[in-house]
Amino acid sequence: MKIKEEWKYDLDKNSVQIKKVHDTSGIEHRARVLRDTIGEEQKGSEHKLVGTIPTALIAQWIQEAGIDWSDNMAVQEVVKRKILSGEFDKFRVWKGKY
């Protein structure tokens, strides 16, 4: 959830910088509850709930990777790489590899 947004205009560069601050505690809590509820015991091998990731974070990953939202395969690869890196374990529900 976005809690703050700051706009700064740089006269020298003639550009606008936007700084957004998000609170992810609600999504972290949801991931923890899902992990405790279903966690590793998800039935079936076809579909698993790997995690719950804030859209703002995915947007940041996509921007860092320099890809477009419409490139579904590239977005899936970026999300997979980031979620399996271990850096974002607080958003993981299922701890397996995929």
N, C-alpha and C. Protein backbone atom coordinates (compact mmCIF):
# COMPACT_ATOMS: atom_id res chain seq x y z
N MET A 1 0.84 -1.17 0.00
CA MET A 1 0.00 0.00 0.00
C MET A 1 0.89 1.24 0.00
N LYS A 2 0.61 2.16 -0.90
CA LYS A 2 1.39 3.39 -0.98
C LYS A 2 1.01 4.29 0.18
N ILE A 3 2.02 4.76 0.92
CA ILE A 3 1.73 5.63 2.05
C ILE A 3 2.26 7.06 1.85
N LYS A 4 3.15 7.22 0.85
CA LYS A 4 3.72 8.55 0.66
C LYS A 4 4.24 8.68 -0.77
N GLU A 5 4.14 9.89 -1.31
CA GLU A 5 4.67 10.16 -2.63
C GLU A 5 5.22 11.59 -2.65
N GLU A 6 6.48 11.73 -3.06
CA GLU A 6 7.12 13.04 -3.14
C GLU A 6 7.52 13.34 -4.58
N TRP A 7 7.24 14.55 -5.01
CA TRP A 7 7.61 15.01 -6.35
C TRP A 7 8.67 16.10 -6.20
N LYS A 8 9.77 15.95 -6.95
CA LYS A 8 10.81 16.96 -6.92
C LYS A 8 11.15 17.34 -8.36
N TYR A 9 11.23 18.64 -8.58
CA TYR A 9 11.58 19.14 -9.90
C TYR A 9 13.03 19.60 -9.86
N ASP A 10 13.84 19.09 -10.76
CA ASP A 10 15.25 19.45 -10.87
C ASP A 10 15.39 20.48 -12.00
N LEU A 11 15.68 21.71 -11.62
CA LEU A 11 15.80 22.79 -12.61
C LEU A 11 16.99 22.59 -13.54
N ASP A 12 18.09 22.07 -13.01
CA ASP A 12 19.30 21.89 -13.82
C ASP A 12 19.08 20.87 -14.93
N LYS A 13 18.42 19.76 -14.59
CA LYS A 13 18.20 18.69 -15.56
C LYS A 13 16.86 18.81 -16.27
N ASN A 14 16.02 19.74 -15.80
CA ASN A 14 14.68 19.92 -16.35
C ASN A 14 13.90 18.60 -16.33
N SER A 15 13.87 17.98 -15.14
CA SER A 15 13.19 16.69 -15.00
C SER A 15 12.46 16.63 -13.65
N VAL A 16 11.54 15.70 -13.58
CA VAL A 16 10.78 15.47 -12.37
C VAL A 16 11.15 14.10 -11.81
N GLN A 17 11.42 14.05 -10.52
CA GLN A 17 11.70 12.78 -9.85
C GLN A 17 10.57 12.51 -8.88
N ILE A 18 10.06 11.28 -8.94
CA ILE A 18 8.96 10.88 -8.07
C ILE A 18 9.46 9.79 -7.14
N LYS A 19 9.32 10.02 -5.84
CA LYS A 19 9.73 9.04 -4.84
C LYS A 19 8.46 8.51 -4.17
N LYS A 20 8.25 7.19 -4.26
CA LYS A 20 7.07 6.57 -3.66
C LYS A 20 7.51 5.69 -2.50
N VAL A 21 6.77 5.74 -1.40
CA VAL A 21 7.05 4.92 -0.22
C VAL A 21 5.86 4.00 -0.01
N HIS A 22 6.14 2.69 0.11
CA HIS A 22 5.09 1.70 0.28
C HIS A 22 5.25 0.96 1.60
N ASP A 23 4.13 0.57 2.18
CA ASP A 23 4.11 -0.25 3.40
C ASP A 23 3.70 -1.66 2.99
N THR A 24 4.60 -2.62 3.15
CA THR A 24 4.33 -4.00 2.73
C THR A 24 4.00 -4.91 3.91
N SER A 25 3.79 -4.35 5.09
CA SER A 25 3.56 -5.18 6.27
C SER A 25 2.29 -6.03 6.14
N GLY A 26 1.26 -5.50 5.49
CA GLY A 26 0.03 -6.27 5.30
C GLY A 26 0.24 -7.47 4.40
N ILE A 27 1.03 -7.30 3.35
CA ILE A 27 1.31 -8.41 2.43
C ILE A 27 2.23 -9.42 3.08
N GLU A 28 3.20 -8.94 3.87
CA GLU A 28 4.07 -9.86 4.62
C GLU A 28 3.25 -10.70 5.59
N HIS A 29 2.29 -10.05 6.26
CA HIS A 29 1.42 -10.78 7.19
C HIS A 29 0.58 -11.82 6.46
N ARG A 30 0.03 -11.45 5.31
CA ARG A 30 -0.77 -12.39 4.52
C ARG A 30 0.07 -13.59 4.09
N ALA A 31 1.31 -13.36 3.67
CA ALA A 31 2.20 -14.46 3.28
C ALA A 31 2.48 -15.37 4.47
N ARG A 32 2.70 -14.78 5.64
CA ARG A 32 2.97 -15.57 6.85
C ARG A 32 1.75 -16.43 7.22
N VAL A 33 0.56 -15.85 7.13
CA VAL A 33 -0.66 -16.61 7.44
C VAL A 33 -0.86 -17.74 6.43
N LEU A 34 -0.66 -17.45 5.16
CA LEU A 34 -0.78 -18.50 4.13
C LEU A 34 0.26 -19.59 4.34
N ARG A 35 1.48 -19.20 4.69
CA ARG A 35 2.53 -20.17 4.94
C ARG A 35 2.15 -21.09 6.10
N ASP A 36 1.59 -20.49 7.17
CA ASP A 36 1.17 -21.28 8.34
C ASP A 36 -0.03 -22.15 8.03
N THR A 37 -0.91 -21.68 7.14
CA THR A 37 -2.14 -22.39 6.83
C THR A 37 -1.92 -23.50 5.82
N ILE A 38 -1.31 -23.17 4.68
CA ILE A 38 -1.17 -24.19 3.64
C ILE A 38 0.28 -24.59 3.40
N GLY A 39 1.19 -23.65 3.52
CA GLY A 39 2.62 -23.88 3.42
C GLY A 39 3.07 -24.97 2.48
N GLU A 40 3.86 -25.91 2.99
CA GLU A 40 4.47 -26.96 2.19
C GLU A 40 3.47 -28.06 1.83
N GLU A 41 2.31 -28.04 2.39
CA GLU A 41 1.36 -29.12 2.18
C GLU A 41 0.39 -28.86 1.05
N GLN A 42 0.78 -28.04 0.12
CA GLN A 42 -0.09 -27.77 -1.02
C GLN A 42 -0.24 -29.03 -1.85
N LYS A 43 -1.44 -29.36 -2.16
CA LYS A 43 -1.74 -30.58 -2.91
C LYS A 43 -1.52 -30.36 -4.40
N GLY A 44 -1.14 -31.41 -5.09
CA GLY A 44 -0.97 -31.34 -6.54
C GLY A 44 0.39 -30.83 -6.94
N SER A 45 0.83 -31.28 -8.08
CA SER A 45 2.15 -30.85 -8.56
C SER A 45 2.02 -29.81 -9.67
N GLU A 46 0.82 -29.60 -10.17
CA GLU A 46 0.61 -28.73 -11.31
C GLU A 46 0.65 -27.24 -10.92
N HIS A 47 -0.02 -26.84 -9.85
CA HIS A 47 -0.11 -25.44 -9.46
C HIS A 47 0.20 -25.29 -7.98
N LYS A 48 1.06 -24.34 -7.65
CA LYS A 48 1.39 -24.06 -6.27
C LYS A 48 1.40 -22.55 -6.07
N LEU A 49 0.97 -22.11 -4.90
CA LEU A 49 1.05 -20.70 -4.54
C LEU A 49 2.46 -20.45 -4.02
N VAL A 50 3.29 -19.84 -4.84
CA VAL A 50 4.69 -19.63 -4.49
C VAL A 50 4.83 -18.45 -3.55
N GLY A 51 4.07 -17.39 -3.77
CA GLY A 51 4.19 -16.22 -2.92
C GLY A 51 3.14 -15.18 -3.24
N THR A 52 3.13 -14.15 -2.45
CA THR A 52 2.24 -13.02 -2.66
C THR A 52 3.13 -11.77 -2.68
N ILE A 53 3.21 -11.13 -3.84
CA ILE A 53 4.18 -10.06 -4.07
C ILE A 53 3.43 -8.76 -4.38
N PRO A 54 3.80 -7.66 -3.74
CA PRO A 54 3.15 -6.38 -4.03
C PRO A 54 3.38 -5.96 -5.49
N THR A 55 2.36 -5.43 -6.11
CA THR A 55 2.45 -4.99 -7.50
C THR A 55 3.51 -3.91 -7.67
N ALA A 56 3.64 -3.03 -6.69
CA ALA A 56 4.64 -1.97 -6.79
C ALA A 56 6.05 -2.55 -6.84
N LEU A 57 6.29 -3.65 -6.13
CA LEU A 57 7.60 -4.29 -6.14
C LEU A 57 7.86 -4.96 -7.49
N ILE A 58 6.84 -5.61 -8.05
CA ILE A 58 6.99 -6.20 -9.38
C ILE A 58 7.27 -5.11 -10.41
N ALA A 59 6.57 -3.98 -10.29
CA ALA A 59 6.80 -2.86 -11.22
C ALA A 59 8.24 -2.36 -11.12
N GLN A 60 8.77 -2.31 -9.91
CA GLN A 60 10.16 -1.88 -9.72
C GLN A 60 11.12 -2.89 -10.36
N TRP A 61 10.87 -4.18 -10.18
CA TRP A 61 11.71 -5.22 -10.79
C TRP A 61 11.69 -5.11 -12.31
N ILE A 62 10.51 -4.89 -12.86
CA ILE A 62 10.36 -4.78 -14.32
C ILE A 62 11.11 -3.56 -14.84
N GLN A 63 11.02 -2.47 -14.12
CA GLN A 63 11.72 -1.25 -14.53
C GLN A 63 13.23 -1.46 -14.45
N GLU A 64 13.73 -2.11 -13.39
CA GLU A 64 15.15 -2.39 -13.25
C GLU A 64 15.66 -3.29 -14.38
N ALA A 65 14.82 -4.25 -14.78
CA ALA A 65 15.20 -5.18 -15.84
C ALA A 65 15.10 -4.55 -17.23
N GLY A 66 14.39 -3.43 -17.33
CA GLY A 66 14.25 -2.74 -18.60
C GLY A 66 13.33 -3.46 -19.58
N ILE A 67 12.32 -4.14 -19.05
CA ILE A 67 11.37 -4.84 -19.91
C ILE A 67 10.01 -4.18 -19.81
N ASP A 68 9.07 -4.64 -20.65
CA ASP A 68 7.73 -4.09 -20.70
C ASP A 68 6.75 -5.04 -20.02
N TRP A 69 5.72 -4.48 -19.40
CA TRP A 69 4.69 -5.30 -18.75
C TRP A 69 4.08 -6.32 -19.71
N SER A 70 3.98 -5.97 -20.98
CA SER A 70 3.30 -6.84 -21.95
C SER A 70 4.13 -8.06 -22.34
N ASP A 71 5.41 -8.09 -22.00
CA ASP A 71 6.27 -9.24 -22.30
C ASP A 71 6.14 -10.25 -21.16
N ASN A 72 5.09 -11.08 -21.24
CA ASN A 72 4.75 -11.99 -20.15
C ASN A 72 5.88 -12.95 -19.78
N MET A 73 6.55 -13.51 -20.76
CA MET A 73 7.61 -14.47 -20.48
C MET A 73 8.78 -13.80 -19.74
N ALA A 74 9.14 -12.60 -20.16
CA ALA A 74 10.23 -11.88 -19.50
C ALA A 74 9.84 -11.49 -18.07
N VAL A 75 8.60 -11.07 -17.87
CA VAL A 75 8.13 -10.72 -16.54
C VAL A 75 8.16 -11.95 -15.64
N GLN A 76 7.70 -13.10 -16.15
CA GLN A 76 7.73 -14.34 -15.36
C GLN A 76 9.15 -14.71 -14.96
N GLU A 77 10.10 -14.55 -15.87
CA GLU A 77 11.50 -14.87 -15.57
C GLU A 77 12.07 -13.94 -14.51
N VAL A 78 11.76 -12.65 -14.60
CA VAL A 78 12.25 -11.69 -13.62
C VAL A 78 11.68 -12.02 -12.24
N VAL A 79 10.38 -12.26 -12.17
CA VAL A 79 9.73 -12.58 -10.89
C VAL A 79 10.31 -13.88 -10.33
N LYS A 80 10.48 -14.88 -11.17
CA LYS A 80 11.03 -16.16 -10.72
C LYS A 80 12.44 -15.97 -10.17
N ARG A 81 13.28 -15.25 -10.89
CA ARG A 81 14.66 -15.03 -10.45
C ARG A 81 14.69 -14.30 -9.11
N LYS A 82 13.86 -13.27 -8.97
CA LYS A 82 13.86 -12.48 -7.74
C LYS A 82 13.30 -13.27 -6.55
N ILE A 83 12.22 -14.00 -6.78
CA ILE A 83 11.57 -14.71 -5.67
C ILE A 83 12.42 -15.90 -5.20
N LEU A 84 13.18 -16.51 -6.11
CA LEU A 84 14.04 -17.63 -5.74
C LEU A 84 15.39 -17.17 -5.20
N SER A 85 15.69 -15.89 -5.27
CA SER A 85 17.00 -15.39 -4.83
C SER A 85 17.18 -15.48 -3.32
N GLY A 86 16.08 -15.53 -2.58
CA GLY A 86 16.18 -15.57 -1.12
C GLY A 86 16.07 -14.20 -0.49
N GLU A 87 16.24 -13.17 -1.28
CA GLU A 87 16.18 -11.80 -0.77
C GLU A 87 14.75 -11.40 -0.38
N PHE A 88 13.78 -12.05 -0.99
CA PHE A 88 12.38 -11.69 -0.77
C PHE A 88 11.59 -12.84 -0.13
N ASP A 89 12.23 -13.58 0.76
CA ASP A 89 11.59 -14.73 1.42
C ASP A 89 10.36 -14.34 2.24
N LYS A 90 10.28 -13.12 2.69
CA LYS A 90 9.13 -12.71 3.49
C LYS A 90 7.83 -12.74 2.69
N PHE A 91 7.93 -12.75 1.36
CA PHE A 91 6.74 -12.82 0.51
C PHE A 91 6.46 -14.24 0.03
N ARG A 92 7.33 -15.19 0.37
CA ARG A 92 7.17 -16.58 -0.09
C ARG A 92 6.15 -17.32 0.76
N VAL A 93 5.38 -18.17 0.12
CA VAL A 93 4.45 -19.07 0.81
C VAL A 93 5.00 -20.49 0.72
N TRP A 94 5.32 -20.91 -0.47
CA TRP A 94 5.87 -22.24 -0.70
C TRP A 94 7.37 -22.09 -0.90
N LYS A 95 8.17 -22.83 -0.15
CA LYS A 95 9.62 -22.65 -0.14
C LYS A 95 10.34 -23.55 -1.15
N GLY A 96 9.61 -24.30 -1.96
CA GLY A 96 10.23 -25.19 -2.94
C GLY A 96 10.78 -24.44 -4.14
N LYS A 97 11.40 -25.17 -5.04
CA LYS A 97 11.93 -24.62 -6.29
C LYS A 97 10.92 -24.89 -7.40
N TYR A 98 10.87 -24.03 -8.37
CA TYR A 98 9.99 -24.23 -9.52
C TYR A 98 10.69 -23.80 -10.79
